[in-house]
C-alpha atoms as a PDB file:
ATOM      1  CA  UNK A   1     132.824 -16.447 106.578  1.00  0.00           C
ATOM      2  CA  UNK A   2     129.128 -16.579 105.781  1.00  0.00           C
ATOM      3  CA  UNK A   3     127.811 -18.134 102.595  1.00  0.00           C
ATOM      4  CA  UNK A   4     126.974 -15.529  99.998  1.00  0.00           C
ATOM      5  CA  UNK A   5     124.805 -17.240  97.393  1.00  0.00           C
ATOM      6  CA  UNK A   6     124.557 -20.877  98.427  1.00  0.00           C
ATOM      7  CA  UNK A   7     125.223 -21.899  94.809  1.00  0.00           C
ATOM      8  CA  UNK A   8     127.784 -24.427  96.006  1.00  0.00           C
ATOM      9  CA  UNK A   9     126.143 -25.371  99.284  1.00  0.00           C
ATOM     10  CA  UNK A  10     127.130 -28.879 100.336  1.00  0.00           C
ATOM     11  CA  UNK A  11     129.999 -29.055  97.850  1.00  0.00           C
ATOM     12  CA  UNK A  12     133.545 -29.983  98.850  1.00  0.00           C
ATOM     13  CA  UNK A  13     136.506 -28.501  96.984  1.00  0.00           C
ATOM     14  CA  UNK A  14     140.275 -28.820  96.788  1.00  0.00           C
ATOM     15  CA  UNK A  15     142.139 -25.700  95.664  1.00  0.00           C
ATOM     16  CA  UNK A  16     145.852 -26.199  95.094  1.00  0.00           C
ATOM     17  CA  UNK A  17     148.388 -23.456  95.653  1.00  0.00           C
ATOM     18  CA  UNK A  18     145.903 -21.469  97.720  1.00  0.00           C
ATOM     19  CA  UNK A  19     147.890 -19.891 100.532  1.00  0.00           C
ATOM     20  CA  UNK A  20     147.786 -16.514  98.756  1.00  0.00           C
ATOM     21  CA  UNK A  21     147.056 -14.757  95.465  1.00  0.00           C
ATOM     22  CA  UNK A  22     144.711 -16.284  92.922  1.00  0.00           C
ATOM     23  CA  UNK A  23     144.369 -19.583  94.781  1.00  0.00           C
ATOM     24  CA  UNK A  24     143.288 -17.929  98.027  1.00  0.00           C
ATOM     25  CA  UNK A  25     140.845 -15.692  96.139  1.00  0.00           C
ATOM     26  CA  UNK A  26     139.323 -18.784  94.519  1.00  0.00           C
ATOM     27  CA  UNK A  27     139.019 -20.523  97.872  1.00  0.00           C
ATOM     28  CA  UNK A  28     137.376 -17.419  99.378  1.00  0.00           C
ATOM     29  CA  UNK A  29     134.829 -17.301  96.577  1.00  0.00           C
ATOM     30  CA  UNK A  30     133.995 -21.016  96.824  1.00  0.00           C
ATOM     31  CA  UNK A  31     133.494 -20.699 100.581  1.00  0.00           C
ATOM     32  CA  UNK A  32     131.365 -17.589 100.055  1.00  0.00           C
ATOM     33  CA  UNK A  33     129.217 -19.623  97.675  1.00  0.00           C
ATOM     34  CA  UNK A  34     128.697 -22.314 100.303  1.00  0.00           C
ATOM     35  CA  UNK A  35     131.471 -24.851  99.659  1.00  0.00           C
ATOM     36  CA  UNK A  36     133.957 -26.206 102.156  1.00  0.00           C
ATOM     37  CA  UNK A  37     137.518 -26.375 100.953  1.00  0.00           C
ATOM     38  CA  UNK A  38     140.924 -27.927 101.389  1.00  0.00           C
ATOM     39  CA  UNK A  39     143.733 -25.566 100.445  1.00  0.00           C
ATOM     40  CA  UNK A  40     147.259 -26.702  99.658  1.00  0.00           C
ATOM     41  CA  UNK A  41     150.635 -25.023  99.527  1.00  0.00           C
ATOM     42  CA  UNK A  42     154.246 -25.535 100.477  1.00  0.00           C
ATOM     43  CA  UNK A  43     154.368 -23.439 103.673  1.00  0.00           C
ATOM     44  CA  UNK A  44     152.386 -24.638 106.721  1.00  0.00           C
ATOM     45  CA  UNK A  45     152.374 -21.195 108.347  1.00  0.00           C
ATOM     46  CA  UNK A  46     150.926 -19.505 105.270  1.00  0.00           C
ATOM     47  CA  UNK A  47     148.291 -22.231 104.962  1.00  0.00           C
ATOM     48  CA  UNK A  48     147.279 -21.767 108.594  1.00  0.00           C
ATOM     49  CA  UNK A  49     146.770 -18.063 107.910  1.00  0.00           C
ATOM     50  CA  UNK A  50     144.723 -18.910 104.809  1.00  0.00           C
ATOM     51  CA  UNK A  51     142.494 -21.305 106.766  1.00  0.00           C
ATOM     52  CA  UNK A  52     141.877 -18.597 109.358  1.00  0.00           C
ATOM     53  CA  UNK A  53     141.026 -16.107 106.612  1.00  0.00           C
ATOM     54  CA  UNK A  54     138.543 -18.610 105.164  1.00  0.00           C
ATOM     55  CA  UNK A  55     136.652 -18.886 108.431  1.00  0.00           C
ATOM     56  CA  UNK A  56     138.562 -21.578 110.279  1.00  0.00           C
ATOM     57  CA  UNK A  57     138.143 -25.355 110.431  1.00  0.00           C
ATOM     58  CA  UNK A  58     134.388 -25.199 109.940  1.00  0.00           C
ATOM     59  CA  UNK A  59     135.006 -24.033 106.389  1.00  0.00           C
ATOM     60  CA  UNK A  60     138.544 -25.024 105.443  1.00  0.00           C
ATOM     61  CA  UNK A  61     141.502 -27.286 106.095  1.00  0.00           C
ATOM     62  CA  UNK A  62     145.072 -26.764 104.995  1.00  0.00           C
ATOM     63  CA  UNK A  63     147.332 -29.554 103.750  1.00  0.00           C
ATOM     64  CA  UNK A  64     150.975 -28.548 103.188  1.00  0.00           C
ATOM     65  CA  UNK A  65     153.085 -30.207 100.521  1.00  0.00           C
ATOM     66  CA  UNK A  66     154.335 -30.060  96.941  1.00  0.00           C
ATOM     67  CA  UNK A  67     151.889 -30.384  94.077  1.00  0.00           C
ATOM     68  CA  UNK A  68     154.198 -32.740  92.194  1.00  0.00           C
ATOM     69  CA  UNK A  69     154.377 -35.135  95.176  1.00  0.00           C
ATOM     70  CA  UNK A  70     151.965 -38.058  94.785  1.00  0.00           C
ATOM     71  CA  UNK A  71     152.000 -38.748  98.538  1.00  0.00           C
ATOM     72  CA  UNK A  72     150.921 -35.176  99.240  1.00  0.00           C
ATOM     73  CA  UNK A  73     148.107 -35.376  96.711  1.00  0.00           C
ATOM     74  CA  UNK A  74     146.779 -38.568  98.292  1.00  0.00           C
ATOM     75  CA  UNK A  75     146.998 -37.068 101.780  1.00  0.00           C
ATOM     76  CA  UNK A  76     145.130 -33.921 100.730  1.00  0.00           C
ATOM     77  CA  UNK A  77     142.251 -35.894  99.215  1.00  0.00           C
ATOM     78  CA  UNK A  78     142.132 -38.139 102.282  1.00  0.00           C
ATOM     79  CA  UNK A  79     142.216 -35.200 104.716  1.00  0.00           C
ATOM     80  CA  UNK A  80     139.414 -33.295 103.039  1.00  0.00           C
ATOM     81  CA  UNK A  81     137.285 -36.446 102.869  1.00  0.00           C
ATOM     82  CA  UNK A  82     137.768 -36.994 106.594  1.00  0.00           C
ATOM     83  CA  UNK A  83     136.923 -33.369 107.379  1.00  0.00           C
ATOM     84  CA  UNK A  84     134.089 -32.655 104.955  1.00  0.00           C
ATOM     85  CA  UNK A  85     133.394 -35.580 102.624  1.00  0.00           C
ATOM     86  CA  UNK A  86     134.429 -36.626  99.122  1.00  0.00           C
ATOM     87  CA  UNK A  87     135.711 -34.052  96.652  1.00  0.00           C
ATOM     88  CA  UNK A  88     133.174 -32.501  94.271  1.00  0.00           C
ATOM     89  CA  UNK A  89     135.338 -29.689  92.879  1.00  0.00           C
ATOM     90  CA  UNK A  90     139.048 -29.704  92.064  1.00  0.00           C
ATOM     91  CA  UNK A  91     140.783 -26.437  91.186  1.00  0.00           C
ATOM     92  CA  UNK A  92     144.304 -26.969  89.848  1.00  0.00           C
ATOM     93  CA  UNK A  93     145.809 -23.577  90.569  1.00  0.00           C
ATOM     94  CA  UNK A  94     149.432 -24.482  91.298  1.00  0.00           C
ATOM     95  CA  UNK A  95     151.895 -23.227  88.711  1.00  0.00           C
ATOM     96  CA  UNK A  96     155.595 -22.413  88.755  1.00  0.00           C
ATOM     97  CA  UNK A  97     158.017 -20.561  86.520  1.00  0.00           C
ATOM     98  CA  UNK A  98     161.475 -20.656  88.105  1.00  0.00           C
ATOM     99  CA  UNK A  99     163.347 -19.403  85.025  1.00  0.00           C
ATOM    100  CA  UNK A 100     163.299 -16.336  82.781  1.00  0.00           C
ATOM    101  CA  UNK A 101     165.020 -16.154  79.425  1.00  0.00           C
ATOM    102  CA  UNK A 102     165.131 -17.603  75.916  1.00  0.00           C
ATOM    103  CA  UNK A 103     164.337 -21.200  75.064  1.00  0.00           C
ATOM    104  CA  UNK A 104     167.682 -21.571  73.304  1.00  0.00           C
ATOM    105  CA  UNK A 105     169.521 -21.488  76.647  1.00  0.00           C
ATOM    106  CA  UNK A 106     166.801 -22.894  78.902  1.00  0.00           C
ATOM    107  CA  UNK A 107     168.099 -25.208  81.616  1.00  0.00           C
ATOM    108  CA  UNK A 108     166.440 -28.538  80.857  1.00  0.00           C
ATOM    109  CA  UNK A 109     166.286 -29.542  84.508  1.00  0.00           C
ATOM    110  CA  UNK A 110     164.208 -26.421  85.164  1.00  0.00           C
ATOM    111  CA  UNK A 111     162.025 -27.270  82.159  1.00  0.00           C
ATOM    112  CA  UNK A 112     161.359 -30.731  83.580  1.00  0.00           C
ATOM    113  CA  UNK A 113     160.410 -29.222  86.925  1.00  0.00           C
ATOM    114  CA  UNK A 114     157.950 -26.871  85.219  1.00  0.00           C
ATOM    115  CA  UNK A 115     156.316 -29.812  83.446  1.00  0.00           C
ATOM    116  CA  UNK A 116     156.300 -31.911  86.617  1.00  0.00           C
ATOM    117  CA  UNK A 117     154.351 -29.253  88.505  1.00  0.00           C
ATOM    118  CA  UNK A 118     152.287 -27.464  85.866  1.00  0.00           C
ATOM    119  CA  UNK A 119     151.324 -30.414  83.664  1.00  0.00           C
ATOM    120  CA  UNK A 120     151.958 -33.745  85.369  1.00  0.00           C
ATOM    121  CA  UNK A 121     150.924 -32.355  88.740  1.00  0.00           C
ATOM    122  CA  UNK A 122     147.629 -31.205  87.227  1.00  0.00           C
ATOM    123  CA  UNK A 123     147.019 -34.654  85.773  1.00  0.00           C
ATOM    124  CA  UNK A 124     148.068 -36.284  89.038  1.00  0.00           C
ATOM    125  CA  UNK A 125     145.481 -34.328  91.029  1.00  0.00           C
ATOM    126  CA  UNK A 126     142.768 -35.325  88.557  1.00  0.00           C
ATOM    127  CA  UNK A 127     143.816 -38.961  88.800  1.00  0.00           C
ATOM    128  CA  UNK A 128     143.705 -38.749  92.603  1.00  0.00           C
ATOM    129  CA  UNK A 129     140.175 -37.350  92.865  1.00  0.00           C
ATOM    130  CA  UNK A 130     138.938 -39.756  90.208  1.00  0.00           C
ATOM    131  CA  UNK A 131     140.432 -42.703  92.108  1.00  0.00           C
ATOM    132  CA  UNK A 132     138.682 -41.390  95.232  1.00  0.00           C
ATOM    133  CA  UNK A 133     135.316 -41.651  93.481  1.00  0.00           C
ATOM    134  CA  UNK A 134     134.713 -38.454  91.524  1.00  0.00           C
ATOM    135  CA  UNK A 135     134.668 -40.367  88.229  1.00  0.00           C
ATOM    136  CA  UNK A 136     131.685 -42.364  89.500  1.00  0.00           C
ATOM    137  CA  UNK A 137     129.875 -39.772  91.649  1.00  0.00           C
ATOM    138  CA  UNK A 138     130.432 -36.829  89.339  1.00  0.00           C
ATOM    139  CA  UNK A 139     132.080 -33.484  89.881  1.00  0.00           C
ATOM    140  CA  UNK A 140     134.070 -30.829  88.122  1.00  0.00           C
ATOM    141  CA  UNK A 141     137.657 -29.804  87.555  1.00  0.00           C
ATOM    142  CA  UNK A 142     138.874 -26.294  86.769  1.00  0.00           C
ATOM    143  CA  UNK A 143     142.484 -25.863  85.678  1.00  0.00           C
ATOM    144  CA  UNK A 144     144.181 -22.472  85.939  1.00  0.00           C
ATOM    145  CA  UNK A 145     146.109 -21.909  82.724  1.00  0.00           C
ATOM    146  CA  UNK A 146     147.445 -18.676  81.201  1.00  0.00           C
ATOM    147  CA  UNK A 147     147.194 -16.677  77.990  1.00  0.00           C
ATOM    148  CA  UNK A 148     150.890 -17.533  77.668  1.00  0.00           C
ATOM    149  CA  UNK A 149     149.559 -20.901  76.520  1.00  0.00           C
ATOM    150  CA  UNK A 150     148.052 -19.233  73.436  1.00  0.00           C
ATOM    151  CA  UNK A 151     150.612 -16.662  72.332  1.00  0.00           C
ATOM    152  CA  UNK A 152     154.427 -16.522  72.520  1.00  0.00           C
ATOM    153  CA  UNK A 153     155.576 -14.795  75.696  1.00  0.00           C
ATOM    154  CA  UNK A 154     159.259 -13.851  75.589  1.00  0.00           C
ATOM    155  CA  UNK A 155     161.111 -14.691  78.762  1.00  0.00           C
ATOM    156  CA  UNK A 156     158.471 -17.105  80.030  1.00  0.00           C
ATOM    157  CA  UNK A 157     158.110 -19.170  76.874  1.00  0.00           C
ATOM    158  CA  UNK A 158     158.440 -22.609  78.451  1.00  0.00           C
ATOM    159  CA  UNK A 159     155.908 -21.682  81.120  1.00  0.00           C
ATOM    160  CA  UNK A 160     153.619 -20.930  78.173  1.00  0.00           C
ATOM    161  CA  UNK A 161     154.447 -24.303  76.628  1.00  0.00           C
ATOM    162  CA  UNK A 162     153.390 -25.996  79.869  1.00  0.00           C
ATOM    163  CA  UNK A 163     150.134 -24.040  79.919  1.00  0.00           C
ATOM    164  CA  UNK A 164     149.409 -24.851  76.268  1.00  0.00           C
ATOM    165  CA  UNK A 165     149.722 -28.479  77.299  1.00  0.00           C
ATOM    166  CA  UNK A 166     147.314 -27.845  80.190  1.00  0.00           C
ATOM    167  CA  UNK A 167     144.786 -26.416  77.729  1.00  0.00           C
ATOM    168  CA  UNK A 168     144.951 -29.554  75.603  1.00  0.00           C
ATOM    169  CA  UNK A 169     144.939 -31.787  78.680  1.00  0.00           C
ATOM    170  CA  UNK A 170     141.735 -30.029  79.756  1.00  0.00           C
ATOM    171  CA  UNK A 171     140.016 -30.893  76.474  1.00  0.00           C
ATOM    172  CA  UNK A 172     141.261 -34.483  76.519  1.00  0.00           C
ATOM    173  CA  UNK A 173     140.120 -35.039  80.112  1.00  0.00           C
ATOM    174  CA  UNK A 174     136.721 -33.526  79.355  1.00  0.00           C
ATOM    175  CA  UNK A 175     136.224 -35.947  76.465  1.00  0.00           C
ATOM    176  CA  UNK A 176     137.367 -38.889  78.562  1.00  0.00           C
ATOM    177  CA  UNK A 177     135.602 -38.172  81.871  1.00  0.00           C
ATOM    178  CA  UNK A 178     132.205 -37.036  80.601  1.00  0.00           C
ATOM    179  CA  UNK A 179     129.371 -37.293  81.294  1.00  0.00           C
ATOM    180  CA  UNK A 180     130.042 -37.544  85.034  1.00  0.00           C
ATOM    181  CA  UNK A 181     132.916 -35.073  85.348  1.00  0.00           C
ATOM    182  CA  UNK A 182     133.171 -31.680  83.668  1.00  0.00           C
ATOM    183  CA  UNK A 183     136.677 -30.315  83.015  1.00  0.00           C
ATOM    184  CA  UNK A 184     137.358 -26.708  82.058  1.00  0.00           C
ATOM    185  CA  UNK A 185     140.126 -24.143  82.402  1.00  0.00           C
ATOM    186  CA  UNK A 186     140.622 -20.412  82.774  1.00  0.00           C
ATOM    187  CA  UNK A 187     143.510 -18.580  81.116  1.00  0.00           C
ATOM    188  CA  UNK A 188     144.263 -15.220  82.752  1.00  0.00           C
ATOM    189  CA  UNK A 189     146.472 -12.473  81.405  1.00  0.00           C
ATOM    190  CA  UNK A 190     148.523 -10.487  83.935  1.00  0.00           C
ATOM    191  CA  UNK A 191     146.897 -10.581  87.350  1.00  0.00           C
ATOM    192  CA  UNK A 192     148.200  -8.433  90.184  1.00  0.00           C
ATOM    193  CA  UNK A 193     149.855 -11.050  92.389  1.00  0.00           C
ATOM    194  CA  UNK A 194     153.314 -11.647  93.793  1.00  0.00           C
ATOM    195  CA  UNK A 195     153.776 -14.445  91.236  1.00  0.00           C
ATOM    196  CA  UNK A 196     153.271 -12.069  88.289  1.00  0.00           C
ATOM    197  CA  UNK A 197     154.860  -8.955  89.791  1.00  0.00           C
ATOM    198  CA  UNK A 198     157.895  -9.061  87.492  1.00  0.00           C
ATOM    199  CA  UNK A 199     155.581  -8.556  84.513  1.00  0.00           C
ATOM    200  CA  UNK A 200     154.271  -5.196  85.712  1.00  0.00           C
ATOM    201  CA  UNK A 201     156.402  -3.953  88.613  1.00  0.00           C
ATOM    202  CA  UNK A 202     157.297  -0.239  88.321  1.00  0.00           C
ATOM    203  CA  UNK A 203     155.321   0.064  85.074  1.00  0.00           C
ATOM    204  CA  UNK A 204     151.757  -0.951  85.885  1.00  0.00           C
ATOM    205  CA  UNK A 205     150.176   2.011  84.068  1.00  0.00           C
ATOM    206  CA  UNK A 206     152.188   1.243  80.933  1.00  0.00           C
ATOM    207  CA  UNK A 207     151.245  -2.439  80.961  1.00  0.00           C
ATOM    208  CA  UNK A 208     147.591  -1.708  81.756  1.00  0.00           C
ATOM    209  CA  UNK A 209     147.381   0.723  78.822  1.00  0.00           C
ATOM    210  CA  UNK A 210     147.439  -2.288  76.464  1.00  0.00           C
ATOM    211  CA  UNK A 211     144.185  -3.593  77.959  1.00  0.00           C
ATOM    212  CA  UNK A 212     140.891  -2.335  76.477  1.00  0.00           C
ATOM    213  CA  UNK A 213     139.382  -2.548  79.977  1.00  0.00           C
ATOM    214  CA  UNK A 214     142.142  -0.292  81.238  1.00  0.00           C
ATOM    215  CA  UNK A 215     143.521  -2.347  84.102  1.00  0.00           C
ATOM    216  CA  UNK A 216     145.339  -5.509  85.034  1.00  0.00           C
ATOM    217  CA  UNK A 217     143.456  -8.460  86.409  1.00  0.00           C
ATOM    218  CA  UNK A 218     142.682  -8.956  90.068  1.00  0.00           C
ATOM    219  CA  UNK A 219     142.583 -12.331  91.822  1.00  0.00           C
ATOM    220  CA  UNK A 220     138.827 -11.877  92.283  1.00  0.00           C
ATOM    221  CA  UNK A 221     138.367 -11.713  88.504  1.00  0.00           C
ATOM    222  CA  UNK A 222     139.756 -15.228  88.190  1.00  0.00           C
ATOM    223  CA  UNK A 223     137.869 -16.440  91.255  1.00  0.00           C
ATOM    224  CA  UNK A 224     134.529 -15.373  89.803  1.00  0.00           C
ATOM    225  CA  UNK A 225     135.119 -17.258  86.567  1.00  0.00           C
ATOM    226  CA  UNK A 226     136.234 -20.380  88.425  1.00  0.00           C
ATOM    227  CA  UNK A 227     133.162 -20.259  90.664  1.00  0.00           C
ATOM    228  CA  UNK A 228     130.958 -19.987  87.582  1.00  0.00           C
ATOM    229  CA  UNK A 229     132.579 -23.017  85.955  1.00  0.00           C
ATOM    230  CA  UNK A 230     132.271 -24.974  89.211  1.00  0.00           C
ATOM    231  CA  UNK A 231     128.611 -24.128  89.642  1.00  0.00           C
ATOM    232  CA  UNK A 232     125.273 -25.227  88.237  1.00  0.00           C
ATOM    233  CA  UNK A 233     125.060 -22.436  85.650  1.00  0.00           C
ATOM    234  CA  UNK A 234     127.942 -24.127  83.794  1.00  0.00           C
ATOM    235  CA  UNK A 235     126.293 -27.553  83.762  1.00  0.00           C
ATOM    236  CA  UNK A 236     126.541 -27.830  79.938  1.00  0.00           C
ATOM    237  CA  UNK A 237     130.099 -26.516  79.604  1.00  0.00           C
ATOM    238  CA  UNK A 238     133.064 -28.857  79.400  1.00  0.00           C
ATOM    239  CA  UNK A 239     136.408 -28.965  77.626  1.00  0.00           C
ATOM    240  CA  UNK A 240     136.658 -25.181  77.368  1.00  0.00           C
ATOM    241  CA  UNK A 241     139.459 -22.790  78.255  1.00  0.00           C
ATOM    242  CA  UNK A 242     137.998 -19.379  79.016  1.00  0.00           C
ATOM    243  CA  UNK A 243     140.352 -16.460  78.378  1.00  0.00           C
ATOM    244  CA  UNK A 244     140.339 -13.806  81.114  1.00  0.00           C
ATOM    245  CA  UNK A 245     142.420 -11.013  79.667  1.00  0.00           C
ATOM    246  CA  UNK A 246     140.688  -7.651  79.915  1.00  0.00           C
ATOM    247  CA  UNK A 247     140.615  -7.698  76.114  1.00  0.00           C
ATOM    248  CA  UNK A 248     144.390  -7.495  75.666  1.00  0.00           C
ATOM    249  CA  UNK A 249     144.574 -10.285  73.090  1.00  0.00           C
ATOM    250  CA  UNK A 250     142.189  -8.275  70.882  1.00  0.00           C
ATOM    251  CA  UNK A 251     144.858  -5.618  70.470  1.00  0.00           C
ATOM    252  CA  UNK A 252     147.601  -7.924  69.207  1.00  0.00           C
ATOM    253  CA  UNK A 253     149.866  -6.603  71.935  1.00  0.00           C
ATOM    254  CA  UNK A 254     151.614  -8.715  74.537  1.00  0.00           C
ATOM    255  CA  UNK A 255     150.150  -8.582  78.011  1.00  0.00           C
ATOM    256  CA  UNK A 256     153.362  -8.079  79.951  1.00  0.00           C
END
């Protein structure tokens, strides 16, 4: 894969949860802009396919494991440093939502798992790259949140709670890690991925009708915003969560 703009030439990135969907689109865009990346995910076979799609070992390495596993996080940061050098860009894309239903009957073990991955995993990745030198050298972090972190989302409410926490974590980390490290987030509405399919399956036109821009999001929409926040044009932006929603929150209607 040839570099497109060179905006991120010489930069090294880790993108979590990047074997498919939004994470893979982000990794593609970073590589297109000149970065080399480590992509993570739970399935080795899917990661191998992602690495091939990103241009092979010259541009990417894959490190399988669970985002809430501290050993995996340390291995990923070590592997990318051995392959390409120290991490300049961290994209926390991993997110899970294994339950659907009201908070009043939410299984608390599932809630803990959501927090372990979506919130504590995000913090753990930041701690890992900072311990590996980002806090001293400088760099940037982009967390992938959700508009569910801003407005109640029936059925996925605790997922939204975890993402609201990610939004606040983003601001707190930005205040703490500046001026060397910038920390921002993006908060998409419904994006057409396997992860979000239940929110629009068999009724995409109906769901999209709520969006002033007339369509659901695409993984590339998120990737472009992440690449902007990771690049030099965002050098004076930190602590922000940018909403990527096709205008749906302007209407007062729910996105899914």
